[in-house]
Amino acid sequence: MFSVGATTTVSAQSKTKTVMVGGAPMYPTKNIVENAVNSKDHTTLVAAVKAAGLVETLQSAGPFTVFAPTNAAFGKLPAGTVETLVKPESKETLTKILTYHVIAGRMTAADLMKAIKAGKGSATLKTVSGGTLTAMMKGKKIELKDEKGGMSMVTIANVMQSNGVIHVVDTVLLPN
């Protein structure tokens, strides 16, 4: 229902879905970084995670819920923004933006929808950066609102990882 553009296959060994993201299989037995580096749609995100020094964190046990912006999502930012953010002098700002896309714990789409229902139409999610995201339903899709009022749609949900879950999003979320 939430896997627009995703293909799923069931592993005979684990019975866990392997989802295709950016033309590459995302294996549930690998961690967030091990999978993300293979997605051609997430090269900007991977470069940013490396520049921010977050590789070790996202390879740790977690679990984490990551809202992973695609290259196209980063492309929506004003010209030159990404280039500026990956410079060493912008590391603090970049780290804040990236950790704003991460929630402690594993929240599947079903968990998010349950929280939205319990919140009578919206759920406030506390991010690792200390900020908040608001999750809502837009039709049958999960939509996120950042602290600046920006909206991002979950385009591929429930990409399970050994240390959490990734939900692919179409817009970079920005903290205050």
N, C-alpha and C. Protein backbone atom coordinates (compact mmCIF):
# COMPACT_ATOMS: atom_id res chain seq x y z
N MET A 1 0.81 -1.19 0.00
CA MET A 1 0.00 0.00 0.00
C MET A 1 0.86 1.26 0.00
N PHE A 2 2.03 1.23 0.65
CA PHE A 2 2.90 2.40 0.70
C PHE A 2 4.14 2.26 -0.14
N SER A 3 4.25 1.19 -0.90
CA SER A 3 5.50 0.95 -1.62
C SER A 3 5.39 1.34 -3.09
N VAL A 4 5.00 2.59 -3.34
CA VAL A 4 4.90 3.08 -4.71
C VAL A 4 6.30 3.02 -5.33
N GLY A 5 6.41 2.37 -6.46
CA GLY A 5 7.70 2.29 -7.14
C GLY A 5 8.66 1.29 -6.52
N ALA A 6 8.24 0.55 -5.55
CA ALA A 6 9.14 -0.41 -4.91
C ALA A 6 8.72 -1.82 -5.30
N THR A 7 9.71 -2.65 -5.44
CA THR A 7 9.43 -4.06 -5.71
C THR A 7 9.83 -4.82 -4.46
N THR A 8 9.08 -5.81 -4.09
CA THR A 8 9.47 -6.57 -2.91
C THR A 8 9.61 -8.03 -3.28
N THR A 9 10.55 -8.67 -2.63
CA THR A 9 10.73 -10.10 -2.79
C THR A 9 10.84 -10.69 -1.39
N VAL A 10 10.46 -11.90 -1.25
CA VAL A 10 10.54 -12.53 0.06
C VAL A 10 11.73 -13.49 0.06
N SER A 11 12.60 -13.27 1.03
CA SER A 11 13.75 -14.15 1.18
C SER A 11 13.27 -15.47 1.77
N ALA A 12 13.69 -16.56 1.18
CA ALA A 12 13.27 -17.88 1.67
C ALA A 12 13.79 -18.11 3.08
N GLN A 13 14.97 -17.53 3.39
CA GLN A 13 15.55 -17.75 4.70
C GLN A 13 14.85 -16.95 5.80
N SER A 14 14.64 -15.64 5.55
CA SER A 14 14.18 -14.80 6.65
C SER A 14 12.71 -14.44 6.60
N LYS A 15 12.05 -14.64 5.47
CA LYS A 15 10.65 -14.25 5.29
C LYS A 15 10.47 -12.75 5.48
N THR A 16 11.56 -11.97 5.38
CA THR A 16 11.49 -10.52 5.51
C THR A 16 11.65 -9.92 4.12
N LYS A 17 10.87 -8.90 3.83
CA LYS A 17 10.89 -8.31 2.51
C LYS A 17 12.20 -7.57 2.24
N THR A 18 12.74 -7.77 1.03
CA THR A 18 13.86 -7.01 0.54
C THR A 18 13.26 -6.02 -0.45
N VAL A 19 13.36 -4.73 -0.13
CA VAL A 19 12.76 -3.69 -0.95
C VAL A 19 13.81 -3.10 -1.88
N MET A 20 13.40 -2.79 -3.11
CA MET A 20 14.29 -2.13 -4.06
C MET A 20 14.19 -0.62 -3.86
N VAL A 21 15.33 0.03 -3.68
CA VAL A 21 15.38 1.49 -3.54
C VAL A 21 16.55 1.98 -4.38
N GLY A 22 16.27 2.92 -5.26
CA GLY A 22 17.34 3.46 -6.09
C GLY A 22 18.01 2.40 -6.93
N GLY A 23 17.24 1.41 -7.38
CA GLY A 23 17.76 0.36 -8.25
C GLY A 23 18.57 -0.70 -7.54
N ALA A 24 18.60 -0.68 -6.22
CA ALA A 24 19.39 -1.67 -5.48
C ALA A 24 18.54 -2.31 -4.39
N PRO A 25 18.79 -3.60 -4.13
CA PRO A 25 18.05 -4.26 -3.05
C PRO A 25 18.53 -3.74 -1.69
N MET A 26 17.58 -3.49 -0.80
CA MET A 26 17.89 -3.07 0.57
C MET A 26 17.66 -4.30 1.45
N TYR A 27 18.75 -4.92 1.87
CA TYR A 27 18.67 -6.17 2.62
C TYR A 27 18.38 -5.94 4.09
N PRO A 28 17.36 -6.60 4.64
CA PRO A 28 17.01 -6.44 6.06
C PRO A 28 18.13 -6.89 7.00
N THR A 29 19.09 -7.66 6.51
CA THR A 29 20.19 -8.13 7.34
C THR A 29 21.34 -7.12 7.41
N LYS A 30 21.29 -6.08 6.58
CA LYS A 30 22.34 -5.06 6.58
C LYS A 30 21.86 -3.83 7.35
N ASN A 31 22.84 -3.02 7.81
CA ASN A 31 22.45 -1.83 8.55
C ASN A 31 22.13 -0.67 7.60
N ILE A 32 21.67 0.42 8.15
CA ILE A 32 21.21 1.58 7.38
C ILE A 32 22.27 2.06 6.40
N VAL A 33 23.50 2.22 6.85
CA VAL A 33 24.57 2.72 5.98
C VAL A 33 24.94 1.70 4.92
N GLU A 34 25.06 0.43 5.32
CA GLU A 34 25.42 -0.62 4.35
C GLU A 34 24.43 -0.68 3.19
N ASN A 35 23.15 -0.43 3.45
CA ASN A 35 22.16 -0.43 2.39
C ASN A 35 22.14 0.89 1.62
N ALA A 36 22.17 2.00 2.32
CA ALA A 36 22.04 3.31 1.67
C ALA A 36 23.14 3.56 0.63
N VAL A 37 24.34 3.07 0.88
CA VAL A 37 25.44 3.32 -0.06
C VAL A 37 25.18 2.69 -1.43
N ASN A 38 24.27 1.73 -1.51
CA ASN A 38 23.97 1.06 -2.78
C ASN A 38 22.83 1.69 -3.57
N SER A 39 22.11 2.64 -2.96
CA SER A 39 20.97 3.27 -3.63
C SER A 39 21.44 4.44 -4.48
N LYS A 40 21.22 4.36 -5.80
CA LYS A 40 21.61 5.47 -6.66
C LYS A 40 20.77 6.71 -6.40
N ASP A 41 19.64 6.56 -5.71
CA ASP A 41 18.78 7.71 -5.37
C ASP A 41 19.20 8.41 -4.08
N HIS A 42 20.22 7.87 -3.40
CA HIS A 42 20.61 8.43 -2.11
C HIS A 42 22.09 8.78 -2.02
N THR A 43 22.73 9.06 -3.16
CA THR A 43 24.16 9.39 -3.13
C THR A 43 24.42 10.71 -2.39
N THR A 44 23.52 11.67 -2.53
CA THR A 44 23.69 12.95 -1.82
C THR A 44 23.56 12.73 -0.32
N LEU A 45 22.57 11.95 0.10
CA LEU A 45 22.38 11.66 1.52
C LEU A 45 23.61 10.95 2.09
N VAL A 46 24.13 9.97 1.38
CA VAL A 46 25.30 9.23 1.86
C VAL A 46 26.51 10.18 1.98
N ALA A 47 26.71 11.04 1.00
CA ALA A 47 27.82 12.01 1.06
C ALA A 47 27.64 12.94 2.26
N ALA A 48 26.40 13.36 2.52
CA ALA A 48 26.13 14.25 3.64
C ALA A 48 26.37 13.53 4.98
N VAL A 49 25.94 12.28 5.08
CA VAL A 49 26.15 11.50 6.30
C VAL A 49 27.65 11.36 6.57
N LYS A 50 28.43 11.12 5.53
CA LYS A 50 29.89 11.02 5.68
C LYS A 50 30.47 12.35 6.12
N ALA A 51 30.04 13.45 5.48
CA ALA A 51 30.56 14.78 5.80
C ALA A 51 30.23 15.18 7.23
N ALA A 52 29.08 14.73 7.72
CA ALA A 52 28.65 15.06 9.09
C ALA A 52 29.27 14.13 10.13
N GLY A 53 29.96 13.08 9.68
CA GLY A 53 30.57 12.14 10.62
C GLY A 53 29.56 11.25 11.31
N LEU A 54 28.44 10.95 10.63
CA LEU A 54 27.37 10.15 11.24
C LEU A 54 27.37 8.68 10.82
N VAL A 55 28.38 8.26 10.05
CA VAL A 55 28.41 6.88 9.57
C VAL A 55 28.40 5.89 10.74
N GLU A 56 29.30 6.09 11.71
CA GLU A 56 29.38 5.16 12.85
C GLU A 56 28.06 5.09 13.61
N THR A 57 27.44 6.25 13.83
CA THR A 57 26.16 6.29 14.56
C THR A 57 25.11 5.47 13.84
N LEU A 58 24.98 5.67 12.52
CA LEU A 58 23.95 4.97 11.75
C LEU A 58 24.30 3.51 11.46
N GLN A 59 25.50 3.10 11.84
CA GLN A 59 25.88 1.69 11.74
C GLN A 59 25.75 1.00 13.11
N SER A 60 25.48 1.78 14.15
CA SER A 60 25.37 1.21 15.49
C SER A 60 24.06 0.44 15.64
N ALA A 61 23.87 -0.18 16.80
CA ALA A 61 22.73 -1.07 17.02
C ALA A 61 21.37 -0.40 16.87
N GLY A 62 21.29 0.90 17.20
CA GLY A 62 20.00 1.58 17.09
C GLY A 62 19.02 1.04 18.10
N PRO A 63 17.78 0.81 17.71
CA PRO A 63 17.26 0.98 16.36
C PRO A 63 16.90 2.44 16.06
N PHE A 64 16.88 2.74 14.76
CA PHE A 64 16.56 4.08 14.28
C PHE A 64 15.46 4.00 13.23
N THR A 65 14.68 5.07 13.15
CA THR A 65 13.76 5.27 12.05
C THR A 65 14.33 6.45 11.28
N VAL A 66 14.66 6.24 10.01
CA VAL A 66 15.27 7.29 9.20
C VAL A 66 14.32 7.67 8.07
N PHE A 67 14.05 8.97 7.98
CA PHE A 67 13.30 9.51 6.84
C PHE A 67 14.38 9.97 5.86
N ALA A 68 14.60 9.18 4.80
CA ALA A 68 15.74 9.36 3.91
C ALA A 68 15.38 10.14 2.65
N PRO A 69 15.82 11.40 2.56
CA PRO A 69 15.55 12.19 1.36
C PRO A 69 16.34 11.66 0.16
N THR A 70 15.69 11.65 -0.99
CA THR A 70 16.34 11.24 -2.24
C THR A 70 17.22 12.37 -2.78
N ASN A 71 18.01 12.04 -3.80
CA ASN A 71 18.80 13.07 -4.47
C ASN A 71 17.88 14.18 -5.00
N ALA A 72 16.72 13.79 -5.55
CA ALA A 72 15.76 14.77 -6.07
C ALA A 72 15.26 15.68 -4.95
N ALA A 73 15.11 15.13 -3.73
CA ALA A 73 14.69 15.94 -2.58
C ALA A 73 15.74 17.00 -2.28
N PHE A 74 17.01 16.59 -2.26
CA PHE A 74 18.09 17.56 -2.04
C PHE A 74 18.14 18.58 -3.17
N GLY A 75 17.78 18.14 -4.38
CA GLY A 75 17.76 19.02 -5.54
C GLY A 75 16.73 20.13 -5.45
N LYS A 76 15.72 19.97 -4.58
CA LYS A 76 14.70 21.00 -4.38
C LYS A 76 15.22 22.16 -3.53
N LEU A 77 16.33 21.95 -2.81
CA LEU A 77 16.90 23.02 -1.99
C LEU A 77 17.47 24.11 -2.89
N PRO A 78 17.57 25.34 -2.39
CA PRO A 78 18.15 26.41 -3.22
C PRO A 78 19.53 26.04 -3.75
N ALA A 79 19.84 26.51 -4.95
CA ALA A 79 21.13 26.22 -5.60
C ALA A 79 22.29 26.52 -4.65
N GLY A 80 23.23 25.59 -4.58
CA GLY A 80 24.43 25.78 -3.77
C GLY A 80 24.29 25.34 -2.32
N THR A 81 23.08 25.03 -1.87
CA THR A 81 22.85 24.66 -0.47
C THR A 81 23.61 23.39 -0.10
N VAL A 82 23.47 22.34 -0.89
CA VAL A 82 24.12 21.06 -0.57
C VAL A 82 25.64 21.25 -0.56
N GLU A 83 26.16 21.94 -1.57
CA GLU A 83 27.61 22.17 -1.65
C GLU A 83 28.12 22.90 -0.41
N THR A 84 27.36 23.86 0.08
CA THR A 84 27.73 24.60 1.28
C THR A 84 27.65 23.72 2.52
N LEU A 85 26.59 22.92 2.61
CA LEU A 85 26.38 22.09 3.80
C LEU A 85 27.46 21.02 3.99
N VAL A 86 28.02 20.49 2.91
CA VAL A 86 29.02 19.42 3.06
C VAL A 86 30.43 19.96 3.33
N LYS A 87 30.59 21.29 3.39
CA LYS A 87 31.89 21.87 3.72
C LYS A 87 32.15 21.68 5.22
N PRO A 88 33.43 21.48 5.60
CA PRO A 88 33.75 21.25 7.02
C PRO A 88 33.20 22.33 7.97
N GLU A 89 33.19 23.58 7.54
CA GLU A 89 32.70 24.66 8.41
C GLU A 89 31.18 24.62 8.63
N SER A 90 30.47 23.80 7.84
CA SER A 90 29.01 23.68 7.98
C SER A 90 28.60 22.39 8.69
N LYS A 91 29.59 21.68 9.24
CA LYS A 91 29.31 20.35 9.83
C LYS A 91 28.22 20.39 10.89
N GLU A 92 28.21 21.41 11.75
CA GLU A 92 27.21 21.49 12.83
C GLU A 92 25.79 21.63 12.25
N THR A 93 25.64 22.49 11.27
CA THR A 93 24.33 22.69 10.63
C THR A 93 23.89 21.43 9.90
N LEU A 94 24.82 20.81 9.15
CA LEU A 94 24.52 19.59 8.42
C LEU A 94 24.09 18.48 9.37
N THR A 95 24.81 18.34 10.48
CA THR A 95 24.49 17.31 11.47
C THR A 95 23.09 17.53 12.03
N LYS A 96 22.75 18.80 12.31
CA LYS A 96 21.41 19.10 12.85
C LYS A 96 20.33 18.72 11.83
N ILE A 97 20.55 19.04 10.56
CA ILE A 97 19.56 18.72 9.52
C ILE A 97 19.42 17.21 9.38
N LEU A 98 20.54 16.49 9.31
CA LEU A 98 20.48 15.04 9.13
C LEU A 98 19.84 14.34 10.33
N THR A 99 20.22 14.73 11.55
CA THR A 99 19.66 14.07 12.73
C THR A 99 18.19 14.45 12.94
N TYR A 100 17.75 15.52 12.25
CA TYR A 100 16.33 15.89 12.27
C TYR A 100 15.50 14.89 11.46
N HIS A 101 16.15 14.09 10.63
CA HIS A 101 15.49 13.05 9.83
C HIS A 101 15.48 11.69 10.53
N VAL A 102 15.94 11.65 11.79
CA VAL A 102 16.09 10.38 12.50
C VAL A 102 15.28 10.40 13.80
N ILE A 103 14.57 9.31 14.04
CA ILE A 103 13.80 9.11 15.27
C ILE A 103 14.42 7.90 15.98
N ALA A 104 14.57 8.00 17.29
CA ALA A 104 15.07 6.85 18.04
C ALA A 104 13.99 5.78 18.06
N GLY A 105 14.37 4.55 17.83
CA GLY A 105 13.42 3.44 17.81
C GLY A 105 13.02 3.08 16.38
N ARG A 106 12.29 1.99 16.27
CA ARG A 106 11.85 1.49 14.96
C ARG A 106 10.36 1.76 14.83
N MET A 107 10.00 2.69 13.93
CA MET A 107 8.59 3.01 13.68
C MET A 107 8.23 2.64 12.25
N THR A 108 7.48 1.56 12.11
CA THR A 108 7.02 1.16 10.78
C THR A 108 5.88 2.09 10.35
N ALA A 109 5.46 1.96 9.10
CA ALA A 109 4.33 2.75 8.62
C ALA A 109 3.09 2.47 9.47
N ALA A 110 2.90 1.21 9.85
CA ALA A 110 1.75 0.85 10.69
C ALA A 110 1.84 1.56 12.05
N ASP A 111 3.05 1.64 12.62
CA ASP A 111 3.24 2.34 13.89
C ASP A 111 2.93 3.83 13.73
N LEU A 112 3.41 4.41 12.63
CA LEU A 112 3.15 5.83 12.37
C LEU A 112 1.65 6.09 12.20
N MET A 113 0.98 5.22 11.44
CA MET A 113 -0.46 5.39 11.23
C MET A 113 -1.24 5.23 12.54
N LYS A 114 -0.80 4.32 13.38
CA LYS A 114 -1.46 4.11 14.68
C LYS A 114 -1.29 5.38 15.54
N ALA A 115 -0.09 5.97 15.53
CA ALA A 115 0.16 7.19 16.30
C ALA A 115 -0.66 8.36 15.75
N ILE A 116 -0.79 8.43 14.42
CA ILE A 116 -1.59 9.48 13.78
C ILE A 116 -3.06 9.33 14.18
N LYS A 117 -3.55 8.10 14.17
CA LYS A 117 -4.94 7.83 14.55
C LYS A 117 -5.16 8.19 16.02
N ALA A 118 -4.22 7.78 16.88
CA ALA A 118 -4.32 8.07 18.32
C ALA A 118 -4.29 9.58 18.57
N GLY A 119 -3.56 10.31 17.72
CA GLY A 119 -3.47 11.77 17.85
C GLY A 119 -4.59 12.49 17.12
N LYS A 120 -5.62 11.74 16.72
CA LYS A 120 -6.78 12.29 16.02
C LYS A 120 -6.39 13.07 14.76
N GLY A 121 -5.47 12.49 13.97
CA GLY A 121 -5.12 13.07 12.68
C GLY A 121 -3.67 13.51 12.54
N SER A 122 -2.95 13.56 13.65
CA SER A 122 -1.52 13.90 13.54
C SER A 122 -0.76 13.31 14.73
N ALA A 123 0.52 13.09 14.51
CA ALA A 123 1.39 12.57 15.57
C ALA A 123 2.65 13.42 15.59
N THR A 124 3.08 13.82 16.78
CA THR A 124 4.31 14.58 16.92
C THR A 124 5.44 13.60 17.20
N LEU A 125 6.46 13.65 16.36
CA LEU A 125 7.61 12.75 16.48
C LEU A 125 8.82 13.55 16.96
N LYS A 126 9.46 13.07 18.00
CA LYS A 126 10.67 13.72 18.53
C LYS A 126 11.88 13.19 17.76
N THR A 127 12.65 14.10 17.17
CA THR A 127 13.80 13.67 16.38
C THR A 127 15.06 13.60 17.24
N VAL A 128 16.06 12.91 16.74
CA VAL A 128 17.33 12.77 17.44
C VAL A 128 18.00 14.14 17.64
N SER A 129 17.72 15.10 16.75
CA SER A 129 18.30 16.44 16.88
C SER A 129 17.62 17.25 17.99
N GLY A 130 16.49 16.74 18.52
CA GLY A 130 15.78 17.46 19.56
C GLY A 130 14.56 18.21 19.03
N GLY A 131 14.39 18.20 17.72
CA GLY A 131 13.24 18.88 17.12
C GLY A 131 12.03 17.97 17.04
N THR A 132 10.99 18.47 16.36
CA THR A 132 9.79 17.66 16.18
C THR A 132 9.36 17.66 14.72
N LEU A 133 8.79 16.56 14.31
CA LEU A 133 8.14 16.40 13.02
C LEU A 133 6.69 16.06 13.31
N THR A 134 5.79 16.49 12.44
CA THR A 134 4.39 16.14 12.58
C THR A 134 4.02 15.19 11.44
N ALA A 135 3.54 14.01 11.80
CA ALA A 135 3.13 13.02 10.80
C ALA A 135 1.62 13.07 10.66
N MET A 136 1.15 13.00 9.40
CA MET A 136 -0.27 13.03 9.10
C MET A 136 -0.53 12.10 7.94
N MET A 137 -1.79 11.82 7.69
CA MET A 137 -2.16 11.03 6.52
C MET A 137 -2.63 11.99 5.44
N LYS A 138 -2.22 11.71 4.21
CA LYS A 138 -2.74 12.43 3.05
C LYS A 138 -3.22 11.33 2.12
N GLY A 139 -4.52 11.08 2.14
CA GLY A 139 -5.05 9.92 1.44
C GLY A 139 -4.54 8.68 2.15
N LYS A 140 -3.87 7.81 1.40
CA LYS A 140 -3.32 6.59 2.00
C LYS A 140 -1.83 6.69 2.25
N LYS A 141 -1.28 7.89 2.09
CA LYS A 141 0.17 8.09 2.27
C LYS A 141 0.46 8.86 3.55
N ILE A 142 1.66 8.64 4.06
CA ILE A 142 2.10 9.37 5.25
C ILE A 142 2.84 10.62 4.78
N GLU A 143 2.46 11.74 5.37
CA GLU A 143 3.08 13.02 5.05
C GLU A 143 3.70 13.58 6.33
N LEU A 144 4.84 14.22 6.19
CA LEU A 144 5.53 14.81 7.34
C LEU A 144 5.60 16.33 7.16
N LYS A 145 5.42 17.03 8.27
CA LYS A 145 5.53 18.50 8.27
C LYS A 145 6.70 18.85 9.17
N ASP A 146 7.63 19.65 8.66
CA ASP A 146 8.78 20.05 9.47
C ASP A 146 8.46 21.31 10.27
N GLU A 147 9.42 21.75 11.09
CA GLU A 147 9.20 22.90 11.97
C GLU A 147 9.05 24.21 11.21
N LYS A 148 9.48 24.25 9.96
CA LYS A 148 9.36 25.46 9.15
C LYS A 148 8.09 25.44 8.30
N GLY A 149 7.30 24.36 8.44
CA GLY A 149 6.05 24.26 7.67
C GLY A 149 6.20 23.52 6.36
N GLY A 150 7.41 23.05 6.05
CA GLY A 150 7.65 22.28 4.83
C GLY A 150 7.00 20.91 4.91
N MET A 151 6.56 20.41 3.76
CA MET A 151 5.89 19.11 3.71
C MET A 151 6.73 18.11 2.91
N SER A 152 6.74 16.86 3.36
CA SER A 152 7.45 15.79 2.68
C SER A 152 6.59 14.53 2.71
N MET A 153 6.52 13.85 1.57
CA MET A 153 5.71 12.64 1.45
C MET A 153 6.61 11.41 1.57
N VAL A 154 6.15 10.40 2.29
CA VAL A 154 6.84 9.11 2.32
C VAL A 154 6.49 8.41 1.00
N THR A 155 7.50 8.16 0.17
CA THR A 155 7.27 7.55 -1.14
C THR A 155 7.50 6.04 -1.12
N ILE A 156 8.41 5.58 -0.26
CA ILE A 156 8.63 4.14 -0.05
C ILE A 156 8.73 3.94 1.45
N ALA A 157 7.81 3.18 2.02
CA ALA A 157 7.80 2.95 3.46
C ALA A 157 8.35 1.57 3.80
N ASN A 158 8.73 1.42 5.06
CA ASN A 158 9.10 0.12 5.61
C ASN A 158 10.26 -0.58 4.90
N VAL A 159 11.34 0.14 4.68
CA VAL A 159 12.55 -0.48 4.15
C VAL A 159 13.32 -0.94 5.40
N MET A 160 13.10 -2.21 5.74
CA MET A 160 13.63 -2.74 7.00
C MET A 160 15.15 -2.94 6.94
N GLN A 161 15.80 -2.60 8.06
CA GLN A 161 17.25 -2.69 8.20
C GLN A 161 17.56 -3.51 9.46
N SER A 162 18.79 -3.97 9.59
CA SER A 162 19.14 -4.73 10.80
C SER A 162 19.06 -3.83 12.04
N ASN A 163 19.24 -2.52 11.86
CA ASN A 163 19.25 -1.59 13.00
C ASN A 163 18.16 -0.53 12.89
N GLY A 164 17.06 -0.86 12.23
CA GLY A 164 15.96 0.09 12.16
C GLY A 164 15.16 -0.03 10.89
N VAL A 165 14.58 1.10 10.49
CA VAL A 165 13.74 1.14 9.29
C VAL A 165 13.95 2.47 8.59
N ILE A 166 13.94 2.42 7.26
CA ILE A 166 14.03 3.63 6.45
C ILE A 166 12.70 3.84 5.77
N HIS A 167 12.28 5.12 5.74
CA HIS A 167 11.14 5.54 4.94
C HIS A 167 11.71 6.59 3.98
N VAL A 168 11.61 6.33 2.68
CA VAL A 168 12.13 7.27 1.68
C VAL A 168 11.17 8.45 1.60
N VAL A 169 11.71 9.68 1.60
CA VAL A 169 10.89 10.89 1.51
C VAL A 169 11.32 11.74 0.32
N ASP A 170 10.36 12.55 -0.17
CA ASP A 170 10.60 13.31 -1.40
C ASP A 170 11.05 14.75 -1.20
N THR A 171 11.20 15.18 0.06
CA THR A 171 11.62 16.55 0.35
C THR A 171 12.50 16.52 1.61
N VAL A 172 13.55 17.35 1.63
CA VAL A 172 14.41 17.47 2.81
C VAL A 172 13.62 18.19 3.88
N LEU A 173 13.62 17.65 5.08
CA LEU A 173 12.93 18.24 6.22
C LEU A 173 13.90 19.19 6.95
N LEU A 174 13.40 20.38 7.30
CA LEU A 174 14.28 21.39 7.91
C LEU A 174 13.82 21.78 9.31
N PRO A 175 14.76 21.72 10.26
CA PRO A 175 14.44 22.15 11.62
C PRO A 175 14.46 23.67 11.73
N ASN A 176 13.92 24.19 12.83
CA ASN A 176 14.01 25.64 13.09
C ASN A 176 15.43 26.03 13.39
